[in-house]
Every structure is written in C-alpha cells, then in structure tokens.
PDB file of all heavy atoms in Angstrom:
ATOM      1  N   LEU A   1     136.031  58.294  91.894  1.00  0.00           N
ATOM      2  CA  LEU A   1     136.508  58.766  93.232  1.00  0.00           C
ATOM      3  C   LEU A   1     136.003  57.779  94.329  1.00  0.00           C
ATOM      4  O   LEU A   1     136.799  57.514  95.245  1.00  0.00           O
ATOM      5  CB  LEU A   1     136.061  60.200  93.492  1.00  0.00           C
ATOM      6  CG  LEU A   1     136.646  61.253  92.549  1.00  0.00           C
ATOM      7  CD1 LEU A   1     136.042  62.609  92.844  1.00  0.00           C
ATOM      8  CD2 LEU A   1     138.195  61.302  92.659  1.00  0.00           C
ATOM      9  N   ALA A   2     134.787  57.355  94.156  1.00  0.00           N
ATOM     10  CA  ALA A   2     134.253  56.441  95.185  1.00  0.00           C
ATOM     11  C   ALA A   2     134.974  55.063  95.084  1.00  0.00           C
ATOM     12  O   ALA A   2     135.199  54.446  96.086  1.00  0.00           O
ATOM     13  CB  ALA A   2     132.783  56.216  94.972  1.00  0.00           C
ATOM     14  N   PHE A   3     135.363  54.682  93.906  1.00  0.00           N
ATOM     15  CA  PHE A   3     136.050  53.435  93.692  1.00  0.00           C
ATOM     16  C   PHE A   3     137.380  53.405  94.398  1.00  0.00           C
ATOM     17  O   PHE A   3     137.796  52.350  94.870  1.00  0.00           O
ATOM     18  CB  PHE A   3     136.237  53.223  92.159  1.00  0.00           C
ATOM     19  CG  PHE A   3     136.942  52.001  91.725  1.00  0.00           C
ATOM     20  CD1 PHE A   3     136.930  50.839  92.524  1.00  0.00           C
ATOM     21  CD2 PHE A   3     137.559  51.939  90.463  1.00  0.00           C
ATOM     22  CE1 PHE A   3     137.578  49.702  92.118  1.00  0.00           C
ATOM     23  CE2 PHE A   3     138.208  50.803  90.057  1.00  0.00           C
ATOM     24  CZ  PHE A   3     138.213  49.654  90.900  1.00  0.00           C
ATOM     25  N   ARG A   4     138.013  54.512  94.527  1.00  0.00           N
ATOM     26  CA  ARG A   4     139.338  54.589  95.182  1.00  0.00           C
ATOM     27  C   ARG A   4     139.140  54.217  96.656  1.00  0.00           C
ATOM     28  O   ARG A   4     140.060  53.665  97.280  1.00  0.00           O
ATOM     29  CB  ARG A   4     139.918  55.961  95.080  1.00  0.00           C
ATOM     30  CG  ARG A   4     140.374  56.348  93.663  1.00  0.00           C
ATOM     31  CD  ARG A   4     140.862  57.801  93.623  1.00  0.00           C
ATOM     32  NE  ARG A   4     142.027  58.018  94.436  1.00  0.00           N
ATOM     33  CZ  ARG A   4     143.288  57.869  94.080  1.00  0.00           C
ATOM     34  NH1 ARG A   4     143.523  57.496  92.780  1.00  0.00           N
ATOM     35  NH2 ARG A   4     144.305  58.103  94.880  1.00  0.00           N
ATOM     36  N   ARG A   5     137.955  54.477  97.240  1.00  0.00           N
ATOM     37  CA  ARG A   5     137.711  54.205  98.631  1.00  0.00           C
ATOM     38  C   ARG A   5     137.058  52.815  98.821  1.00  0.00           C
ATOM     39  O   ARG A   5     137.338  52.173  99.791  1.00  0.00           O
ATOM     40  CB  ARG A   5     136.852  55.307  99.220  1.00  0.00           C
ATOM     41  CG  ARG A   5     136.547  55.126 100.711  1.00  0.00           C
ATOM     42  CD  ARG A   5     135.896  56.351 101.278  1.00  0.00           C
ATOM     43  NE  ARG A   5     135.719  56.228 102.682  1.00  0.00           N
ATOM     44  CZ  ARG A   5     135.088  57.139 103.446  1.00  0.00           C
ATOM     45  NH1 ARG A   5     134.584  58.242 102.862  1.00  0.00           N
ATOM     46  NH2 ARG A   5     134.904  56.910 104.721  1.00  0.00           N
ATOM     47  N   TRP A   6     136.142  52.492  97.869  1.00  0.00           N
ATOM     48  CA  TRP A   6     135.402  51.211  97.946  1.00  0.00           C
ATOM     49  C   TRP A   6     135.732  50.368  96.777  1.00  0.00           C
ATOM     50  O   TRP A   6     135.099  50.497  95.721  1.00  0.00           O
ATOM     51  CB  TRP A   6     133.964  51.488  98.052  1.00  0.00           C
ATOM     52  CG  TRP A   6     133.472  52.192  99.332  1.00  0.00           C
ATOM     53  CD1 TRP A   6     133.528  51.707 100.607  1.00  0.00           C
ATOM     54  CD2 TRP A   6     132.983  53.525  99.461  1.00  0.00           C
ATOM     55  NE1 TRP A   6     133.094  52.666 101.489  1.00  0.00           N
ATOM     56  CE2 TRP A   6     132.774  53.830 100.772  1.00  0.00           C
ATOM     57  CE3 TRP A   6     132.784  54.543  98.509  1.00  0.00           C
ATOM     58  CZ2 TRP A   6     132.298  54.996 101.293  1.00  0.00           C
ATOM     59  CZ3 TRP A   6     132.302  55.805  98.984  1.00  0.00           C
ATOM     60  CH2 TRP A   6     132.037  56.008 100.357  1.00  0.00           C
ATOM     61  N   PRO A   7     136.721  49.485  96.857  1.00  0.00           N
ATOM     62  CA  PRO A   7     137.129  48.642  95.750  1.00  0.00           C
ATOM     63  C   PRO A   7     136.029  47.762  95.146  1.00  0.00           C
ATOM     64  O   PRO A   7     136.138  47.354  93.975  1.00  0.00           O
ATOM     65  CB  PRO A   7     138.254  47.819  96.350  1.00  0.00           C
ATOM     66  CG  PRO A   7     138.749  48.575  97.510  1.00  0.00           C
ATOM     67  CD  PRO A   7     137.451  49.247  98.075  1.00  0.00           C
ATOM     68  N   GLY A   8     134.985  47.503  95.896  1.00  0.00           N
ATOM     69  CA  GLY A   8     133.883  46.728  95.407  1.00  0.00           C
ATOM     70  C   GLY A   8     133.188  47.340  94.214  1.00  0.00           C
ATOM     71  O   GLY A   8     132.339  46.712  93.524  1.00  0.00           O
ATOM     72  N   LEU A   9     133.459  48.640  93.945  1.00  0.00           N
ATOM     73  CA  LEU A   9     132.742  49.352  92.873  1.00  0.00           C
ATOM     74  C   LEU A   9     133.532  49.100  91.478  1.00  0.00           C
ATOM     75  O   LEU A   9     133.099  49.756  90.537  1.00  0.00           O
ATOM     76  CB  LEU A   9     132.694  50.818  93.158  1.00  0.00           C
ATOM     77  CG  LEU A   9     131.751  51.259  94.334  1.00  0.00           C
ATOM     78  CD1 LEU A   9     131.941  52.767  94.551  1.00  0.00           C
ATOM     79  CD2 LEU A   9     130.296  50.886  94.027  1.00  0.00           C
ATOM     80  N   GLY A  10     134.486  48.218  91.520  1.00  0.00           N
ATOM     81  CA  GLY A  10     135.259  47.987  90.346  1.00  0.00           C
ATOM     82  C   GLY A  10     134.442  47.684  89.104  1.00  0.00           C
ATOM     83  O   GLY A  10     134.638  48.326  88.043  1.00  0.00           O
ATOM     84  N   PRO A  11     133.644  46.635  89.148  1.00  0.00           N
ATOM     85  CA  PRO A  11     132.829  46.301  87.957  1.00  0.00           C
ATOM     86  C   PRO A  11     131.981  47.432  87.470  1.00  0.00           C
ATOM     87  O   PRO A  11     131.759  47.580  86.285  1.00  0.00           O
ATOM     88  CB  PRO A  11     132.001  45.125  88.466  1.00  0.00           C
ATOM     89  CG  PRO A  11     132.808  44.458  89.547  1.00  0.00           C
ATOM     90  CD  PRO A  11     133.412  45.640  90.245  1.00  0.00           C
ATOM     91  N   LEU A  12     131.453  48.241  88.414  1.00  0.00           N
ATOM     92  CA  LEU A  12     130.648  49.379  87.993  1.00  0.00           C
ATOM     93  C   LEU A  12     131.472  50.426  87.247  1.00  0.00           C
ATOM     94  O   LEU A  12     131.048  51.034  86.239  1.00  0.00           O
ATOM     95  CB  LEU A  12     129.963  50.031  89.210  1.00  0.00           C
ATOM     96  CG  LEU A  12     129.059  51.200  88.993  1.00  0.00           C
ATOM     97  CD1 LEU A  12     127.837  50.743  88.111  1.00  0.00           C
ATOM     98  CD2 LEU A  12     128.574  51.793  90.313  1.00  0.00           C
ATOM     99  N   PHE A  13     132.697  50.666  87.692  1.00  0.00           N
ATOM    100  CA  PHE A  13     133.592  51.613  87.049  1.00  0.00           C
ATOM    101  C   PHE A  13     133.984  51.091  85.702  1.00  0.00           C
ATOM    102  O   PHE A  13     134.100  51.874  84.689  1.00  0.00           O
ATOM    103  CB  PHE A  13     134.844  51.809  87.918  1.00  0.00           C
ATOM    104  CG  PHE A  13     135.720  52.901  87.446  1.00  0.00           C
ATOM    105  CD1 PHE A  13     135.334  54.216  87.395  1.00  0.00           C
ATOM    106  CD2 PHE A  13     137.017  52.592  86.906  1.00  0.00           C
ATOM    107  CE1 PHE A  13     136.161  55.229  86.956  1.00  0.00           C
ATOM    108  CE2 PHE A  13     137.862  53.594  86.421  1.00  0.00           C
ATOM    109  CZ  PHE A  13     137.408  54.920  86.429  1.00  0.00           C
ATOM    110  N   ALA A  14     134.243  49.751  85.582  1.00  0.00           N
ATOM    111  CA  ALA A  14     134.562  49.160  84.256  1.00  0.00           C
ATOM    112  C   ALA A  14     133.467  49.317  83.281  1.00  0.00           C
ATOM    113  O   ALA A  14     133.645  49.772  82.124  1.00  0.00           O
ATOM    114  CB  ALA A  14     134.926  47.703  84.442  1.00  0.00           C
ATOM    115  N   ALA A  15     132.220  49.003  83.745  1.00  0.00           N
ATOM    116  CA  ALA A  15     131.033  49.144  82.850  1.00  0.00           C
ATOM    117  C   ALA A  15     130.834  50.641  82.478  1.00  0.00           C
ATOM    118  O   ALA A  15     130.500  50.987  81.388  1.00  0.00           O
ATOM    119  CB  ALA A  15     129.819  48.613  83.552  1.00  0.00           C
ATOM    120  N   GLY A  16     131.066  51.555  83.488  1.00  0.00           N
ATOM    121  CA  GLY A  16     130.885  52.995  83.217  1.00  0.00           C
ATOM    122  C   GLY A  16     131.911  53.470  82.184  1.00  0.00           C
ATOM    123  O   GLY A  16     131.577  54.396  81.380  1.00  0.00           O
ATOM    124  N   SER A  17     133.142  52.969  82.231  1.00  0.00           N
ATOM    125  CA  SER A  17     134.151  53.400  81.251  1.00  0.00           C
ATOM    126  C   SER A  17     133.739  53.025  79.901  1.00  0.00           C
ATOM    127  O   SER A  17     133.920  53.813  78.910  1.00  0.00           O
ATOM    128  CB  SER A  17     135.524  52.770  81.634  1.00  0.00           C
ATOM    129  OG  SER A  17     135.928  53.212  82.910  1.00  0.00           O
ATOM    130  N   VAL A  18     133.280  51.769  79.733  1.00  0.00           N
ATOM    131  CA  VAL A  18     132.821  51.314  78.393  1.00  0.00           C
ATOM    132  C   VAL A  18     131.627  52.114  77.936  1.00  0.00           C
ATOM    133  O   VAL A  18     131.578  52.506  76.726  1.00  0.00           O
ATOM    134  CB  VAL A  18     132.528  49.821  78.381  1.00  0.00           C
ATOM    135  CG1 VAL A  18     132.021  49.337  77.064  1.00  0.00           C
ATOM    136  CG2 VAL A  18     133.801  49.036  78.768  1.00  0.00           C
ATOM    137  N   LEU A  19     130.672  52.337  78.811  1.00  0.00           N
ATOM    138  CA  LEU A  19     129.509  53.153  78.464  1.00  0.00           C
ATOM    139  C   LEU A  19     129.869  54.579  78.047  1.00  0.00           C
ATOM    140  O   LEU A  19     129.393  55.134  77.116  1.00  0.00           O
ATOM    141  CB  LEU A  19     128.447  53.143  79.573  1.00  0.00           C
ATOM    142  CG  LEU A  19     127.212  53.819  79.363  1.00  0.00           C
ATOM    143  CD1 LEU A  19     126.435  53.276  78.124  1.00  0.00           C
ATOM    144  CD2 LEU A  19     126.298  53.757  80.569  1.00  0.00           C
ATOM    145  N   SER A  20     130.782  55.163  78.834  1.00  0.00           N
ATOM    146  CA  SER A  20     131.221  56.546  78.528  1.00  0.00           C
ATOM    147  C   SER A  20     131.926  56.593  77.156  1.00  0.00           C
ATOM    148  O   SER A  20     131.798  57.587  76.418  1.00  0.00           O
ATOM    149  CB  SER A  20     132.193  57.022  79.609  1.00  0.00           C
ATOM    150  OG  SER A  20     131.519  57.169  80.866  1.00  0.00           O
ATOM    151  N   PHE A  21     132.697  55.579  76.875  1.00  0.00           N
ATOM    152  CA  PHE A  21     133.357  55.519  75.572  1.00  0.00           C
ATOM    153  C   PHE A  21     132.337  55.462  74.473  1.00  0.00           C
ATOM    154  O   PHE A  21     132.410  56.191  73.431  1.00  0.00           O
ATOM    155  CB  PHE A  21     134.272  54.239  75.477  1.00  0.00           C
ATOM    156  CG  PHE A  21     134.788  53.933  74.126  1.00  0.00           C
ATOM    157  CD1 PHE A  21     135.889  54.567  73.677  1.00  0.00           C
ATOM    158  CD2 PHE A  21     134.166  53.039  73.280  1.00  0.00           C
ATOM    159  CE1 PHE A  21     136.447  54.278  72.454  1.00  0.00           C
ATOM    160  CE2 PHE A  21     134.675  52.730  72.031  1.00  0.00           C
ATOM    161  CZ  PHE A  21     135.830  53.356  71.623  1.00  0.00           C
ATOM    162  N   SER A  22     131.278  54.674  74.620  1.00  0.00           N
ATOM    163  CA  SER A  22     130.255  54.535  73.603  1.00  0.00           C
ATOM    164  C   SER A  22     129.479  55.828  73.381  1.00  0.00           C
ATOM    165  O   SER A  22     129.281  56.253  72.303  1.00  0.00           O
ATOM    166  CB  SER A  22     129.255  53.423  74.023  1.00  0.00           C
ATOM    167  OG  SER A  22     129.926  52.181  74.152  1.00  0.00           O
ATOM    168  N   VAL A  23     129.172  56.463  74.548  1.00  0.00           N
ATOM    169  CA  VAL A  23     128.456  57.797  74.462  1.00  0.00           C
ATOM    170  C   VAL A  23     129.338  58.807  73.819  1.00  0.00           C
ATOM    171  O   VAL A  23     128.849  59.657  72.981  1.00  0.00           O
ATOM    172  CB  VAL A  23     128.030  58.266  75.872  1.00  0.00           C
ATOM    173  CG1 VAL A  23     127.530  59.668  75.859  1.00  0.00           C
ATOM    174  CG2 VAL A  23     126.982  57.258  76.423  1.00  0.00           C
ATOM    175  N   ALA A  24     130.647  58.779  74.109  1.00  0.00           N
ATOM    176  CA  ALA A  24     131.566  59.749  73.542  1.00  0.00           C
ATOM    177  C   ALA A  24     131.633  59.595  71.962  1.00  0.00           C
ATOM    178  O   ALA A  24     131.627  60.654  71.248  1.00  0.00           O
ATOM    179  CB  ALA A  24     132.951  59.571  74.127  1.00  0.00           C
ATOM    180  N   ILE A  25     131.684  58.388  71.503  1.00  0.00           N
ATOM    181  CA  ILE A  25     131.729  58.166  70.035  1.00  0.00           C
ATOM    182  C   ILE A  25     130.425  58.692  69.430  1.00  0.00           C
ATOM    183  O   ILE A  25     130.495  59.355  68.346  1.00  0.00           O
ATOM    184  CB  ILE A  25     131.886  56.652  69.744  1.00  0.00           C
ATOM    185  CG1 ILE A  25     133.294  56.143  70.244  1.00  0.00           C
ATOM    186  CG2 ILE A  25     131.751  56.429  68.227  1.00  0.00           C
ATOM    187  CD1 ILE A  25     134.418  56.858  69.581  1.00  0.00           C
ATOM    188  N   VAL A  26     129.276  58.430  70.031  1.00  0.00           N
ATOM    189  CA  VAL A  26     128.019  58.936  69.521  1.00  0.00           C
ATOM    190  C   VAL A  26     128.032  60.472  69.481  1.00  0.00           C
ATOM    191  O   VAL A  26     127.597  61.012  68.462  1.00  0.00           O
ATOM    192  CB  VAL A  26     126.811  58.409  70.395  1.00  0.00           C
ATOM    193  CG1 VAL A  26     125.517  59.118  69.977  1.00  0.00           C
ATOM    194  CG2 VAL A  26     126.726  56.904  70.256  1.00  0.00           C
ATOM    195  N   VAL A  27     128.498  61.097  70.508  1.00  0.00           N
ATOM    196  CA  VAL A  27     128.470  62.577  70.591  1.00  0.00           C
ATOM    197  C   VAL A  27     129.497  63.155  69.545  1.00  0.00           C
ATOM    198  O   VAL A  27     129.185  64.160  68.950  1.00  0.00           O
ATOM    199  CB  VAL A  27     128.801  63.072  72.001  1.00  0.00           C
ATOM    200  CG1 VAL A  27     129.047  64.564  72.020  1.00  0.00           C
ATOM    201  CG2 VAL A  27     127.615  62.735  72.897  1.00  0.00           C
ATOM    202  N   ILE A  28     130.618  62.473  69.333  1.00  0.00           N
ATOM    203  CA  ILE A  28     131.538  62.892  68.318  1.00  0.00           C
ATOM    204  C   ILE A  28     130.869  62.947  66.933  1.00  0.00           C
ATOM    205  O   ILE A  28     131.034  63.913  66.162  1.00  0.00           O
ATOM    206  CB  ILE A  28     132.812  62.082  68.267  1.00  0.00           C
ATOM    207  CG1 ILE A  28     133.650  62.303  69.523  1.00  0.00           C
ATOM    208  CG2 ILE A  28     133.635  62.313  66.996  1.00  0.00           C
ATOM    209  CD1 ILE A  28     134.885  61.377  69.641  1.00  0.00           C
ATOM    210  N   ILE A  29     130.133  61.901  66.643  1.00  0.00           N
ATOM    211  CA  ILE A  29     129.427  61.835  65.317  1.00  0.00           C
ATOM    212  C   ILE A  29     128.274  62.734  65.280  1.00  0.00           C
ATOM    213  O   ILE A  29     128.118  63.494  64.282  1.00  0.00           O
ATOM    214  CB  ILE A  29     128.982  60.422  65.127  1.00  0.00           C
ATOM    215  CG1 ILE A  29     130.208  59.456  64.964  1.00  0.00           C
ATOM    216  CG2 ILE A  29     128.111  60.262  63.816  1.00  0.00           C
ATOM    217  CD1 ILE A  29     129.809  57.977  64.885  1.00  0.00           C
ATOM    218  N   ALA A  30     127.461  62.779  66.318  1.00  0.00           N
ATOM    219  CA  ALA A  30     126.167  63.560  66.250  1.00  0.00           C
ATOM    220  C   ALA A  30     126.361  65.037  66.444  1.00  0.00           C
ATOM    221  O   ALA A  30     125.636  65.837  65.856  1.00  0.00           O
ATOM    222  CB  ALA A  30     125.223  62.990  67.294  1.00  0.00           C
ATOM    223  N   VAL A  31     127.354  65.430  67.269  1.00  0.00           N
ATOM    224  CA  VAL A  31     127.375  66.838  67.692  1.00  0.00           C
ATOM    225  C   VAL A  31     128.787  67.462  67.498  1.00  0.00           C
ATOM    226  O   VAL A  31     128.988  68.455  66.836  1.00  0.00           O
ATOM    227  CB  VAL A  31     126.983  66.997  69.183  1.00  0.00           C
ATOM    228  CG1 VAL A  31     126.958  68.502  69.554  1.00  0.00           C
ATOM    229  CG2 VAL A  31     125.562  66.380  69.395  1.00  0.00           C
ATOM    230  N   LEU A  32     129.762  66.915  68.159  1.00  0.00           N
ATOM    231  CA  LEU A  32     131.109  67.500  68.229  1.00  0.00           C
ATOM    232  C   LEU A  32     131.721  67.789  66.877  1.00  0.00           C
ATOM    233  O   LEU A  32     132.268  68.844  66.641  1.00  0.00           O
ATOM    234  CB  LEU A  32     132.050  66.624  69.067  1.00  0.00           C
ATOM    235  CG  LEU A  32     133.463  67.152  69.253  1.00  0.00           C
ATOM    236  CD1 LEU A  32     133.449  68.559  69.888  1.00  0.00           C
ATOM    237  CD2 LEU A  32     134.287  66.214  70.089  1.00  0.00           C
ATOM    238  N   SER A  33     131.520  66.811  65.948  1.00  0.00           N
ATOM    239  CA  SER A  33     132.088  66.991  64.601  1.00  0.00           C
ATOM    240  C   SER A  33     131.537  68.239  63.919  1.00  0.00           C
ATOM    241  O   SER A  33     132.190  68.952  63.149  1.00  0.00           O
ATOM    242  CB  SER A  33     131.847  65.757  63.735  1.00  0.00           C
ATOM    243  OG  SER A  33     130.442  65.482  63.702  1.00  0.00           O
ATOM    244  N   LEU A  34     130.233  68.496  64.148  1.00  0.00           N
ATOM    245  CA  LEU A  34     129.610  69.672  63.540  1.00  0.00           C
ATOM    246  C   LEU A  34     130.339  70.972  63.988  1.00  0.00           C
ATOM    247  O   LEU A  34     130.498  71.886  63.231  1.00  0.00           O
ATOM    248  CB  LEU A  34     128.099  69.718  63.916  1.00  0.00           C
ATOM    249  CG  LEU A  34     127.289  68.467  63.651  1.00  0.00           C
ATOM    250  CD1 LEU A  34     125.866  68.679  63.990  1.00  0.00           C
ATOM    251  CD2 LEU A  34     127.431  68.078  62.190  1.00  0.00           C
ATOM    252  N   TYR A  35     130.641  71.053  65.308  1.00  0.00           N
ATOM    253  CA  TYR A  35     131.316  72.253  65.841  1.00  0.00           C
ATOM    254  C   TYR A  35     132.699  72.396  65.230  1.00  0.00           C
ATOM    255  O   TYR A  35     133.150  73.510  64.915  1.00  0.00           O
ATOM    256  CB  TYR A  35     131.415  72.153  67.311  1.00  0.00           C
ATOM    257  CG  TYR A  35     130.111  72.537  68.020  1.00  0.00           C
ATOM    258  CD1 TYR A  35     129.301  71.519  68.578  1.00  0.00           C
ATOM    259  CD2 TYR A  35     129.707  73.845  68.196  1.00  0.00           C
ATOM    260  CE1 TYR A  35     128.145  71.822  69.253  1.00  0.00           C
ATOM    261  CE2 TYR A  35     128.564  74.143  68.840  1.00  0.00           C
ATOM    262  CZ  TYR A  35     127.757  73.152  69.406  1.00  0.00           C
ATOM    263  OH  TYR A  35     126.558  73.503  70.050  1.00  0.00           O
ATOM    264  N   VAL A  36     133.423  71.253  65.070  1.00  0.00           N
ATOM    265  CA  VAL A  36     134.787  71.364  64.527  1.00  0.00           C
ATOM    266  C   VAL A  36     134.785  71.802  63.030  1.00  0.00           C
ATOM    267  O   VAL A  36     135.532  72.642  62.621  1.00  0.00           O
ATOM    268  CB  VAL A  36     135.481  69.960  64.673  1.00  0.00           C
ATOM    269  CG1 VAL A  36     136.880  70.012  63.983  1.00  0.00           C
ATOM    270  CG2 VAL A  36     135.664  69.599  66.155  1.00  0.00           C
ATOM    271  N   TYR A  37     133.864  71.174  62.241  1.00  0.00           N
ATOM    272  CA  TYR A  37     133.803  71.488  60.838  1.00  0.00           C
ATOM    273  C   TYR A  37     133.013  72.819  60.662  1.00  0.00           C
ATOM    274  O   TYR A  37     133.052  73.343  59.421  1.00  0.00           O
ATOM    275  CB  TYR A  37     133.042  70.363  60.088  1.00  0.00           C
ATOM    276  CG  TYR A  37     133.631  68.995  60.297  1.00  0.00           C
ATOM    277  CD1 TYR A  37     132.811  67.940  60.532  1.00  0.00           C
ATOM    278  CD2 TYR A  37     135.008  68.815  60.299  1.00  0.00           C
ATOM    279  CE1 TYR A  37     133.361  66.599  60.719  1.00  0.00           C
ATOM    280  CE2 TYR A  37     135.550  67.528  60.491  1.00  0.00           C
ATOM    281  CZ  TYR A  37     134.686  66.450  60.681  1.00  0.00           C
ATOM    282  OH  TYR A  37     135.242  65.209  60.878  1.00  0.00           O
ATOM    283  N   GLU A  38     132.309  73.314  61.611  1.00  0.00           N
ATOM    284  CA  GLU A  38     131.503  74.517  61.492  1.00  0.00           C
ATOM    285  C   GLU A  38     130.512  74.324  60.371  1.00  0.00           C
ATOM    286  O   GLU A  38     130.255  75.269  59.556  1.00  0.00           O
ATOM    287  CB  GLU A  38     132.364  75.777  61.266  1.00  0.00           C
ATOM    288  CG  GLU A  38     133.374  75.990  62.323  1.00  0.00           C
ATOM    289  CD  GLU A  38     134.329  77.150  62.146  1.00  0.00           C
ATOM    290  OE1 GLU A  38     134.012  77.948  61.149  1.00  0.00           O
ATOM    291  OE2 GLU A  38     135.324  77.299  62.874  1.00  0.00           O
ATOM    292  N   ASN A  39     129.939  73.134  60.343  1.00  0.00           N
ATOM    293  CA  ASN A  39     128.990  72.703  59.288  1.00  0.00           C
ATOM    294  C   ASN A  39     127.918  71.854  59.928  1.00  0.00           C
ATOM    295  O   ASN A  39     128.237  70.793  60.410  1.00  0.00           O
ATOM    296  CB  ASN A  39     129.746  71.955  58.178  1.00  0.00           C
ATOM    297  CG  ASN A  39     128.847  71.637  57.010  1.00  0.00           C
ATOM    298  OD1 ASN A  39     127.583  71.513  57.116  1.00  0.00           O
ATOM    299  ND2 ASN A  39     129.446  71.367  55.841  1.00  0.00           N
TER     300      ASN A  39
END
C-alpha cells in the first residue's frame, strides 16, 4: 500500500514478495500440510 504512494519502495516490495514466497513454502511444509492431511 505504501509502494503505491512512494514508488521508491519498489525494491523493498520485490524483496518482500520473494521472502513471503519462501516463508509460505516453509509453512506449507511445516504446518499447513498437517492441517490438510489431518495428520
């Protein structure tokens, strides 16, 4: 949301997107999959 107003935050948003992707994959493996499989 801040990036929409301040374009200079572009590299930060790009890095954040990649980091969020990495964290999401970790959580899918470590936690989310357990809830889906109920195991």
